[in-house]
Amino acid sequence: MLSGVIARVRPYRVLATAILLPGFGHVISGFALRGLTLQMFMILMAWITWHVTPPERDIVGRLAGGLFVYALSIVDAYRLSQLRFARRYRESSR
């Protein structure tokens, strides 16, 4: 039942969700484990860069590792959603 709901999500909604809620764009696209993994890597990389950078660095510099993984997860969620949507559209037009 849930797979039918997941299959109907449009890529732009996944993009908006991925921007607002890190990792959740993957969840509504049907890639829950991937979303959770990316969330854990965001936290891990943010923690590492926070402890490696000097205290004088601004907040963006201190969290750069986590923000980098966050940016990659947005692009990845949107790309996966587009591929799934295109495949479903191709199959329904046959």
PDB file of N, CA and C in Angstrom:
ATOM      1  N   MET A   1       0.812  -1.193   0.000  1.00  0.00           N
ATOM      2  CA  MET A   1       0.000   0.000   0.000  1.00  0.00           C
ATOM      3  C   MET A   1       0.856   1.256   0.000  1.00  0.00           C
ATOM      4  N   LEU A   2       1.896   1.255   0.814  1.00  0.00           N
ATOM      5  CA  LEU A   2       2.764   2.418   0.899  1.00  0.00           C
ATOM      6  C   LEU A   2       3.564   2.628  -0.380  1.00  0.00           C
ATOM      7  N   SER A   3       3.898   1.557  -1.098  1.00  0.00           N
ATOM      8  CA  SER A   3       4.665   1.714  -2.327  1.00  0.00           C
ATOM      9  C   SER A   3       3.888   2.475  -3.394  1.00  0.00           C
ATOM     10  N   GLY A   4       2.577   2.351  -3.414  1.00  0.00           N
ATOM     11  CA  GLY A   4       1.761   3.115  -4.356  1.00  0.00           C
ATOM     12  C   GLY A   4       1.779   4.601  -4.046  1.00  0.00           C
ATOM     13  N   VAL A   5       1.788   4.935  -2.759  1.00  0.00           N
ATOM     14  CA  VAL A   5       1.862   6.336  -2.355  1.00  0.00           C
ATOM     15  C   VAL A   5       3.229   6.907  -2.691  1.00  0.00           C
ATOM     16  N   ILE A   6       4.271   6.137  -2.434  1.00  0.00           N
ATOM     17  CA  ILE A   6       5.627   6.590  -2.709  1.00  0.00           C
ATOM     18  C   ILE A   6       5.827   6.807  -4.202  1.00  0.00           C
ATOM     19  N   ALA A   7       5.257   5.954  -5.025  1.00  0.00           N
ATOM     20  CA  ALA A   7       5.453   6.053  -6.463  1.00  0.00           C
ATOM     21  C   ALA A   7       4.797   7.299  -7.055  1.00  0.00           C
ATOM     22  N   ARG A   8       3.807   7.884  -6.354  1.00  0.00           N
ATOM     23  CA  ARG A   8       3.090   9.033  -6.897  1.00  0.00           C
ATOM     24  C   ARG A   8       3.716  10.377  -6.546  1.00  0.00           C
ATOM     25  N   VAL A   9       4.786  10.406  -5.789  1.00  0.00           N
ATOM     26  CA  VAL A   9       5.389  11.670  -5.369  1.00  0.00           C
ATOM     27  C   VAL A   9       6.155  12.282  -6.536  1.00  0.00           C
ATOM     28  N   ARG A  10       5.867  13.541  -6.821  1.00  0.00           N
ATOM     29  CA  ARG A  10       6.526  14.251  -7.919  1.00  0.00           C
ATOM     30  C   ARG A  10       7.933  14.695  -7.507  1.00  0.00           C
ATOM     31  N   PRO A  11       8.847  14.770  -8.475  1.00  0.00           N
ATOM     32  CA  PRO A  11      10.238  15.136  -8.156  1.00  0.00           C
ATOM     33  C   PRO A  11      10.390  16.498  -7.488  1.00  0.00           C
ATOM     34  N   TYR A  12       9.583  17.485  -7.855  1.00  0.00           N
ATOM     35  CA  TYR A  12       9.728  18.799  -7.229  1.00  0.00           C
ATOM     36  C   TYR A  12       9.295  18.783  -5.764  1.00  0.00           C
ATOM     37  N   ARG A  13       8.350  17.949  -5.433  1.00  0.00           N
ATOM     38  CA  ARG A  13       7.967  17.806  -4.019  1.00  0.00           C
ATOM     39  C   ARG A  13       9.077  17.134  -3.234  1.00  0.00           C
ATOM     40  N   VAL A  14       9.729  16.172  -3.852  1.00  0.00           N
ATOM     41  CA  VAL A  14      10.868  15.526  -3.202  1.00  0.00           C
ATOM     42  C   VAL A  14      11.986  16.536  -3.002  1.00  0.00           C
ATOM     43  N   LEU A  15      12.227  17.381  -3.991  1.00  0.00           N
ATOM     44  CA  LEU A  15      13.254  18.411  -3.875  1.00  0.00           C
ATOM     45  C   LEU A  15      12.944  19.366  -2.727  1.00  0.00           C
ATOM     46  N   ALA A  16      11.717  19.830  -2.636  1.00  0.00           N
ATOM     47  CA  ALA A  16      11.339  20.744  -1.551  1.00  0.00           C
ATOM     48  C   ALA A  16      11.463  20.068  -0.188  1.00  0.00           C
ATOM     49  N   THR A  17      11.063  18.810  -0.111  1.00  0.00           N
ATOM     50  CA  THR A  17      11.167  18.086   1.143  1.00  0.00           C
ATOM     51  C   THR A  17      12.619  17.859   1.525  1.00  0.00           C
ATOM     52  N   ALA A  18      13.461  17.541   0.552  1.00  0.00           N
ATOM     53  CA  ALA A  18      14.881  17.314   0.834  1.00  0.00           C
ATOM     54  C   ALA A  18      15.564  18.595   1.301  1.00  0.00           C
ATOM     55  N   ILE A  19      15.129  19.732   0.804  1.00  0.00           N
ATOM     56  CA  ILE A  19      15.713  21.000   1.243  1.00  0.00           C
ATOM     57  C   ILE A  19      15.288  21.318   2.672  1.00  0.00           C
ATOM     58  N   LEU A  20      14.019  21.105   2.976  1.00  0.00           N
ATOM     59  CA  LEU A  20      13.500  21.458   4.300  1.00  0.00           C
ATOM     60  C   LEU A  20      13.843  20.434   5.379  1.00  0.00           C
ATOM     61  N   LEU A  21      13.822  19.163   5.035  1.00  0.00           N
ATOM     62  CA  LEU A  21      14.078  18.090   6.003  1.00  0.00           C
ATOM     63  C   LEU A  21      15.171  17.175   5.456  1.00  0.00           C
ATOM     64  N   PRO A  22      16.413  17.374   5.875  1.00  0.00           N
ATOM     65  CA  PRO A  22      17.530  16.586   5.336  1.00  0.00           C
ATOM     66  C   PRO A  22      17.309  15.075   5.491  1.00  0.00           C
ATOM     67  N   GLY A  23      17.459  14.357   4.389  1.00  0.00           N
ATOM     68  CA  GLY A  23      17.309  12.912   4.381  1.00  0.00           C
ATOM     69  C   GLY A  23      15.890  12.425   4.154  1.00  0.00           C
ATOM     70  N   PHE A  24      14.890  13.260   4.419  1.00  0.00           N
ATOM     71  CA  PHE A  24      13.506  12.815   4.289  1.00  0.00           C
ATOM     72  C   PHE A  24      13.054  12.777   2.832  1.00  0.00           C
ATOM     73  N   GLY A  25      13.732  13.483   1.951  1.00  0.00           N
ATOM     74  CA  GLY A  25      13.412  13.392   0.533  1.00  0.00           C
ATOM     75  C   GLY A  25      13.630  11.986   0.007  1.00  0.00           C
ATOM     76  N   HIS A  26      14.663  11.326   0.527  1.00  0.00           N
ATOM     77  CA  HIS A  26      14.903   9.936   0.147  1.00  0.00           C
ATOM     78  C   HIS A  26      13.804   9.025   0.686  1.00  0.00           C
ATOM     79  N   VAL A  27      13.339   9.320   1.890  1.00  0.00           N
ATOM     80  CA  VAL A  27      12.316   8.485   2.513  1.00  0.00           C
ATOM     81  C   VAL A  27      11.032   8.505   1.693  1.00  0.00           C
ATOM     82  N   ILE A  28      10.564   9.684   1.276  1.00  0.00           N
ATOM     83  CA  ILE A  28       9.313   9.720   0.511  1.00  0.00           C
ATOM     84  C   ILE A  28       9.510   9.237  -0.923  1.00  0.00           C
ATOM     85  N   SER A  29      10.772   9.124  -1.355  1.00  0.00           N
ATOM     86  CA  SER A  29      11.046   8.555  -2.678  1.00  0.00           C
ATOM     87  C   SER A  29      11.137   7.042  -2.635  1.00  0.00           C
ATOM     88  N   GLY A  30      11.195   6.472  -1.438  1.00  0.00           N
ATOM     89  CA  GLY A  30      11.276   5.022  -1.317  1.00  0.00           C
ATOM     90  C   GLY A  30      12.657   4.516  -1.000  1.00  0.00           C
ATOM     91  N   PHE A  31      13.577   5.389  -0.628  1.00  0.00           N
ATOM     92  CA  PHE A  31      14.951   5.012  -0.306  1.00  0.00           C
ATOM     93  C   PHE A  31      15.255   5.391   1.145  1.00  0.00           C
ATOM     94  N   ALA A  32      14.516   4.793   2.075  1.00  0.00           N
ATOM     95  CA  ALA A  32      14.603   5.174   3.486  1.00  0.00           C
ATOM     96  C   ALA A  32      15.983   4.896   4.076  1.00  0.00           C
ATOM     97  N   LEU A  33      16.559   3.768   3.782  1.00  0.00           N
ATOM     98  CA  LEU A  33      17.872   3.430   4.338  1.00  0.00           C
ATOM     99  C   LEU A  33      18.942   4.398   3.837  1.00  0.00           C
ATOM    100  N   ARG A  34      18.846   4.780   2.586  1.00  0.00           N
ATOM    101  CA  ARG A  34      19.797   5.737   2.023  1.00  0.00           C
ATOM    102  C   ARG A  34      19.659   7.101   2.696  1.00  0.00           C
ATOM    103  N   GLY A  35      18.428   7.529   2.955  1.00  0.00           N
ATOM    104  CA  GLY A  35      18.201   8.793   3.639  1.00  0.00           C
ATOM    105  C   GLY A  35      18.760   8.775   5.046  1.00  0.00           C
ATOM    106  N   LEU A  36      18.539   7.696   5.773  1.00  0.00           N
ATOM    107  CA  LEU A  36      19.071   7.574   7.122  1.00  0.00           C
ATOM    108  C   LEU A  36      20.595   7.564   7.113  1.00  0.00           C
ATOM    109  N   THR A  37      21.177   6.859   6.163  1.00  0.00           N
ATOM    110  CA  THR A  37      22.635   6.821   6.047  1.00  0.00           C
ATOM    111  C   THR A  37      23.192   8.210   5.776  1.00  0.00           C
ATOM    112  N   LEU A  38      22.568   8.952   4.893  1.00  0.00           N
ATOM    113  CA  LEU A  38      23.046  10.305   4.610  1.00  0.00           C
ATOM    114  C   LEU A  38      22.886  11.218   5.819  1.00  0.00           C
ATOM    115  N   GLN A  39      21.826  11.052   6.594  1.00  0.00           N
ATOM    116  CA  GLN A  39      21.674  11.842   7.816  1.00  0.00           C
ATOM    117  C   GLN A  39      22.794  11.538   8.798  1.00  0.00           C
ATOM    118  N   MET A  40      23.139  10.274   8.946  1.00  0.00           N
ATOM    119  CA  MET A  40      24.219   9.913   9.862  1.00  0.00           C
ATOM    120  C   MET A  40      25.554  10.488   9.391  1.00  0.00           C
ATOM    121  N   PHE A  41      25.789  10.467   8.079  1.00  0.00           N
ATOM    122  CA  PHE A  41      27.027  11.046   7.563  1.00  0.00           C
ATOM    123  C   PHE A  41      27.041  12.565   7.717  1.00  0.00           C
ATOM    124  N   MET A  42      25.887  13.218   7.601  1.00  0.00           N
ATOM    125  CA  MET A  42      25.823  14.667   7.842  1.00  0.00           C
ATOM    126  C   MET A  42      26.251  14.987   9.266  1.00  0.00           C
ATOM    127  N   ILE A  43      25.705  14.242  10.206  1.00  0.00           N
ATOM    128  CA  ILE A  43      26.032  14.471  11.612  1.00  0.00           C
ATOM    129  C   ILE A  43      27.495  14.164  11.872  1.00  0.00           C
ATOM    130  N   LEU A  44      27.981  13.067  11.349  1.00  0.00           N
ATOM    131  CA  LEU A  44      29.373  12.679  11.557  1.00  0.00           C
ATOM    132  C   LEU A  44      30.343  13.696  10.970  1.00  0.00           C
ATOM    133  N   MET A  45      30.106  14.107   9.738  1.00  0.00           N
ATOM    134  CA  MET A  45      31.015  15.065   9.100  1.00  0.00           C
ATOM    135  C   MET A  45      30.950  16.433   9.766  1.00  0.00           C
ATOM    136  N   ALA A  46      29.763  16.849  10.205  1.00  0.00           N
ATOM    137  CA  ALA A  46      29.641  18.121  10.926  1.00  0.00           C
ATOM    138  C   ALA A  46      30.403  18.047  12.251  1.00  0.00           C
ATOM    139  N   TRP A  47      30.296  16.934  12.929  1.00  0.00           N
ATOM    140  CA  TRP A  47      30.995  16.765  14.200  1.00  0.00           C
ATOM    141  C   TRP A  47      32.512  16.772  13.991  1.00  0.00           C
ATOM    142  N   ILE A  48      32.972  16.078  12.951  1.00  0.00           N
ATOM    143  CA  ILE A  48      34.416  16.039  12.676  1.00  0.00           C
ATOM    144  C   ILE A  48      34.937  17.427  12.331  1.00  0.00           C
ATOM    145  N   THR A  49      34.269  18.123  11.418  1.00  0.00           N
ATOM    146  CA  THR A  49      34.768  19.447  11.033  1.00  0.00           C
ATOM    147  C   THR A  49      34.642  20.449  12.172  1.00  0.00           C
ATOM    148  N   TRP A  50      33.646  20.283  13.044  1.00  0.00           N
ATOM    149  CA  TRP A  50      33.511  21.172  14.201  1.00  0.00           C
ATOM    150  C   TRP A  50      34.731  21.038  15.116  1.00  0.00           C
ATOM    151  N   HIS A  51      35.216  19.804  15.300  1.00  0.00           N
ATOM    152  CA  HIS A  51      36.339  19.574  16.204  1.00  0.00           C
ATOM    153  C   HIS A  51      37.704  19.792  15.547  1.00  0.00           C
ATOM    154  N   VAL A  52      37.758  19.804  14.249  1.00  0.00           N
ATOM    155  CA  VAL A  52      39.036  19.993  13.550  1.00  0.00           C
ATOM    156  C   VAL A  52      39.314  21.470  13.290  1.00  0.00           C
ATOM    157  N   THR A  53      38.298  22.244  13.022  1.00  0.00           N
ATOM    158  CA  THR A  53      38.502  23.655  12.684  1.00  0.00           C
ATOM    159  C   THR A  53      38.744  24.492  13.943  1.00  0.00           C
ATOM    160  N   PRO A  54      39.448  25.607  13.797  1.00  0.00           N
ATOM    161  CA  PRO A  54      39.699  26.480  14.956  1.00  0.00           C
ATOM    162  C   PRO A  54      38.423  27.211  15.379  1.00  0.00           C
ATOM    163  N   PRO A  55      38.345  27.617  16.650  1.00  0.00           N
ATOM    164  CA  PRO A  55      37.141  28.302  17.149  1.00  0.00           C
ATOM    165  C   PRO A  55      36.875  29.653  16.479  1.00  0.00           C
ATOM    166  N   GLU A  56      37.879  30.251  15.862  1.00  0.00           N
ATOM    167  CA  GLU A  56      37.686  31.548  15.214  1.00  0.00           C
ATOM    168  C   GLU A  56      36.902  31.446  13.909  1.00  0.00           C
ATOM    169  N   ARG A  57      36.808  30.258  13.376  1.00  0.00           N
ATOM    170  CA  ARG A  57      36.114  30.041  12.107  1.00  0.00           C
ATOM    171  C   ARG A  57      34.617  30.296  12.286  1.00  0.00           C
ATOM    172  N   ASP A  58      33.960  30.801  11.240  1.00  0.00           N
ATOM    173  CA  ASP A  58      32.512  31.048  11.336  1.00  0.00           C
ATOM    174  C   ASP A  58      31.745  29.721  11.349  1.00  0.00           C
ATOM    175  N   ILE A  59      30.455  29.803  11.602  1.00  0.00           N
ATOM    176  CA  ILE A  59      29.634  28.613  11.782  1.00  0.00           C
ATOM    177  C   ILE A  59      29.568  27.753  10.512  1.00  0.00           C
ATOM    178  N   VAL A  60      29.553  28.397   9.356  1.00  0.00           N
ATOM    179  CA  VAL A  60      29.511  27.637   8.097  1.00  0.00           C
ATOM    180  C   VAL A  60      30.812  26.865   7.904  1.00  0.00           C
ATOM    181  N   GLY A  61      31.924  27.480   8.233  1.00  0.00           N
ATOM    182  CA  GLY A  61      33.212  26.792   8.125  1.00  0.00           C
ATOM    183  C   GLY A  61      33.349  25.657   9.114  1.00  0.00           C
ATOM    184  N   ARG A  62      32.782  25.831  10.292  1.00  0.00           N
ATOM    185  CA  ARG A  62      32.886  24.790  11.307  1.00  0.00           C
ATOM    186  C   ARG A  62      31.978  23.600  11.003  1.00  0.00           C
ATOM    187  N   LEU A  63      30.924  23.807  10.237  1.00  0.00           N
ATOM    188  CA  LEU A  63      30.007  22.720   9.885  1.00  0.00           C
ATOM    189  C   LEU A  63      30.108  22.333   8.407  1.00  0.00           C
ATOM    190  N   ALA A  64      31.203  22.675   7.767  1.00  0.00           N
ATOM    191  CA  ALA A  64      31.332  22.508   6.313  1.00  0.00           C
ATOM    192  C   ALA A  64      31.157  21.063   5.854  1.00  0.00           C
ATOM    193  N   GLY A  65      31.668  20.108   6.585  1.00  0.00           N
ATOM    194  CA  GLY A  65      31.527  18.705   6.183  1.00  0.00           C
ATOM    195  C   GLY A  65      30.078  18.258   6.150  1.00  0.00           C
ATOM    196  N   GLY A  66      29.327  18.601   7.182  1.00  0.00           N
ATOM    197  CA  GLY A  66      27.913  18.241   7.221  1.00  0.00           C
ATOM    198  C   GLY A  66      27.102  18.959   6.168  1.00  0.00           C
ATOM    199  N   LEU A  67      27.425  20.225   5.938  1.00  0.00           N
ATOM    200  CA  LEU A  67      26.718  20.990   4.905  1.00  0.00           C
ATOM    201  C   LEU A  67      27.013  20.449   3.505  1.00  0.00           C
ATOM    202  N   PHE A  68      28.223  19.949   3.307  1.00  0.00           N
ATOM    203  CA  PHE A  68      28.575  19.354   2.017  1.00  0.00           C
ATOM    204  C   PHE A  68      27.743  18.097   1.753  1.00  0.00           C
ATOM    205  N   VAL A  69      27.648  17.233   2.750  1.00  0.00           N
ATOM    206  CA  VAL A  69      26.842  16.013   2.593  1.00  0.00           C
ATOM    207  C   VAL A  69      25.369  16.376   2.425  1.00  0.00           C
ATOM    208  N   TYR A  70      24.904  17.408   3.124  1.00  0.00           N
ATOM    209  CA  TYR A  70      23.523  17.886   2.986  1.00  0.00           C
ATOM    210  C   TYR A  70      23.248  18.325   1.547  1.00  0.00           C
ATOM    211  N   ALA A  71      24.166  19.090   0.965  1.00  0.00           N
ATOM    212  CA  ALA A  71      23.995  19.546  -0.415  1.00  0.00           C
ATOM    213  C   ALA A  71      23.969  18.361  -1.384  1.00  0.00           C
ATOM    214  N   LEU A  72      24.837  17.395  -1.163  1.00  0.00           N
ATOM    215  CA  LEU A  72      24.838  16.209  -2.022  1.00  0.00           C
ATOM    216  C   LEU A  72      23.547  15.403  -1.873  1.00  0.00           C
ATOM    217  N   SER A  73      22.997  15.349  -0.663  1.00  0.00           N
ATOM    218  CA  SER A  73      21.777  14.570  -0.456  1.00  0.00           C
ATOM    219  C   SER A  73      20.580  15.209  -1.153  1.00  0.00           C
ATOM    220  N   ILE A  74      20.562  16.532  -1.244  1.00  0.00           N
ATOM    221  CA  ILE A  74      19.469  17.211  -1.951  1.00  0.00           C
ATOM    222  C   ILE A  74      19.481  16.824  -3.428  1.00  0.00           C
ATOM    223  N   VAL A  75      20.662  16.909  -4.026  1.00  0.00           N
ATOM    224  CA  VAL A  75      20.805  16.577  -5.445  1.00  0.00           C
ATOM    225  C   VAL A  75      20.488  15.101  -5.682  1.00  0.00           C
ATOM    226  N   ASP A  76      20.959  14.242  -4.791  1.00  0.00           N
ATOM    227  CA  ASP A  76      20.743  12.808  -4.943  1.00  0.00           C
ATOM    228  C   ASP A  76      19.264  12.443  -4.822  1.00  0.00           C
ATOM    229  N   ALA A  77      18.566  13.015  -3.864  1.00  0.00           N
ATOM    230  CA  ALA A  77      17.139  12.721  -3.696  1.00  0.00           C
ATOM    231  C   ALA A  77      16.348  13.158  -4.924  1.00  0.00           C
ATOM    232  N   TYR A  78      16.664  14.328  -5.444  1.00  0.00           N
ATOM    233  CA  TYR A  78      15.950  14.823  -6.622  1.00  0.00           C
ATOM    234  C   TYR A  78      16.239  13.954  -7.844  1.00  0.00           C
ATOM    235  N   ARG A  79      17.499  13.573  -8.028  1.00  0.00           N
ATOM    236  CA  ARG A  79      17.872  12.742  -9.174  1.00  0.00           C
ATOM    237  C   ARG A  79      17.185  11.373  -9.108  1.00  0.00           C
ATOM    238  N   LEU A  80      17.207  10.742  -7.937  1.00  0.00           N
ATOM    239  CA  LEU A  80      16.553   9.444  -7.797  1.00  0.00           C
ATOM    240  C   LEU A  80      15.053   9.534  -8.028  1.00  0.00           C
ATOM    241  N   SER A  81      14.460  10.607  -7.553  1.00  0.00           N
ATOM    242  CA  SER A  81      13.024  10.800  -7.752  1.00  0.00           C
ATOM    243  C   SER A  81      12.695  11.016  -9.223  1.00  0.00           C
ATOM    244  N   GLN A  82      13.518  11.779  -9.912  1.00  0.00           N
ATOM    245  CA  GLN A  82      13.297  11.984 -11.348  1.00  0.00           C
ATOM    246  C   GLN A  82      13.410  10.685 -12.119  1.00  0.00           C
ATOM    247  N   LEU A  83      14.405   9.874 -11.793  1.00  0.00           N
ATOM    248  CA  LEU A  83      14.578   8.595 -12.485  1.00  0.00           C
ATOM    249  C   LEU A  83      13.391   7.669 -12.239  1.00  0.00           C
ATOM    250  N   ARG A  84      12.934   7.609 -10.994  1.00  0.00           N
ATOM    251  CA  ARG A  84      11.786   6.760 -10.673  1.00  0.00           C
ATOM    252  C   ARG A  84      10.512   7.269 -11.353  1.00  0.00           C
ATOM    253  N   PHE A  85      10.327   8.582 -11.375  1.00  0.00           N
ATOM    254  CA  PHE A  85       9.143   9.174 -12.010  1.00  0.00           C
ATOM    255  C   PHE A  85       9.168   8.932 -13.516  1.00  0.00           C
ATOM    256  N   ALA A  86      10.327   9.098 -14.148  1.00  0.00           N
ATOM    257  CA  ALA A  86      10.443   8.883 -15.596  1.00  0.00           C
ATOM    258  C   ALA A  86      10.193   7.418 -15.945  1.00  0.00           C
ATOM    259  N   ARG A  87      10.697   6.507 -15.125  1.00  0.00           N
ATOM    260  CA  ARG A  87      10.486   5.087 -15.393  1.00  0.00           C
ATOM    261  C   ARG A  87       9.007   4.727 -15.261  1.00  0.00           C
ATOM    262  N   ARG A  88       8.345   5.279 -14.241  1.00  0.00           N
ATOM    263  CA  ARG A  88       6.920   5.012 -14.064  1.00  0.00           C
ATOM    264  C   ARG A  88       6.103   5.598 -15.213  1.00  0.00           C
ATOM    265  N   TYR A  89       6.482   6.791 -15.670  1.00  0.00           N
ATOM    266  CA  TYR A  89       5.776   7.429 -16.783  1.00  0.00           C
ATOM    267  C   TYR A  89       5.958   6.620 -18.067  1.00  0.00           C
ATOM    268  N   ARG A  90       7.177   6.123 -18.303  1.00  0.00           N
ATOM    269  CA  ARG A  90       7.454   5.296 -19.486  1.00  0.00           C
ATOM    270  C   ARG A  90       6.643   4.018 -19.451  1.00  0.00           C
ATOM    271  N   GLU A  91       6.560   3.387 -18.279  1.00  0.00           N
ATOM    272  CA  GLU A  91       5.820   2.123 -18.167  1.00  0.00           C
ATOM    273  C   GLU A  91       4.325   2.337 -18.339  1.00  0.00           C
ATOM    274  N   SER A  92       3.802   3.480 -17.887  1.00  0.00           N
ATOM    275  CA  SER A  92       2.355   3.702 -17.998  1.00  0.00           C
ATOM    276  C   SER A  92       1.952   4.109 -19.413  1.00  0.00           C
ATOM    277  N   SER A  93       2.889   4.577 -20.232  1.00  0.00           N
ATOM    278  CA  SER A  93       2.538   4.991 -21.600  1.00  0.00           C
ATOM    279  C   SER A  93       2.595   3.840 -22.587  1.00  0.00           C
ATOM    280  N   ARG A  94       3.026   2.674 -22.133  1.00  0.00           N
ATOM    281  CA  ARG A  94       3.112   1.528 -23.052  1.00  0.00           C
ATOM    282  C   ARG A  94       1.791   0.914 -23.307  1.00  0.00           C
TER     283      ARG A  94
END
